[in-house]
């Protein structure tokens, strides 16, 4: 089980801030992206493809990065 936390635009797109997904051991960012696209559709798929993923203390966009028990999905942020 992986706890997925969503922030900003991606939280709005999926309609929640967090959920638990039953993903197999060794699942990767690519597996998570595929699950989110299948569950939420093309709009979320497009958004997820520009997101970064915080896995532990490592921020990555690498689709082969292995998930752990929690991952944060972070869309690009505008700031000032």
Foldseek 3Di string as FASTA:
>chain_A
DAKEAEDDPLCVQVVHGIDDDDDDAQQFQLNVLVVCCVVRHDVSNVQQLQWWKCAPNDIGNDRNHGHDRYIYTGGDDDDD
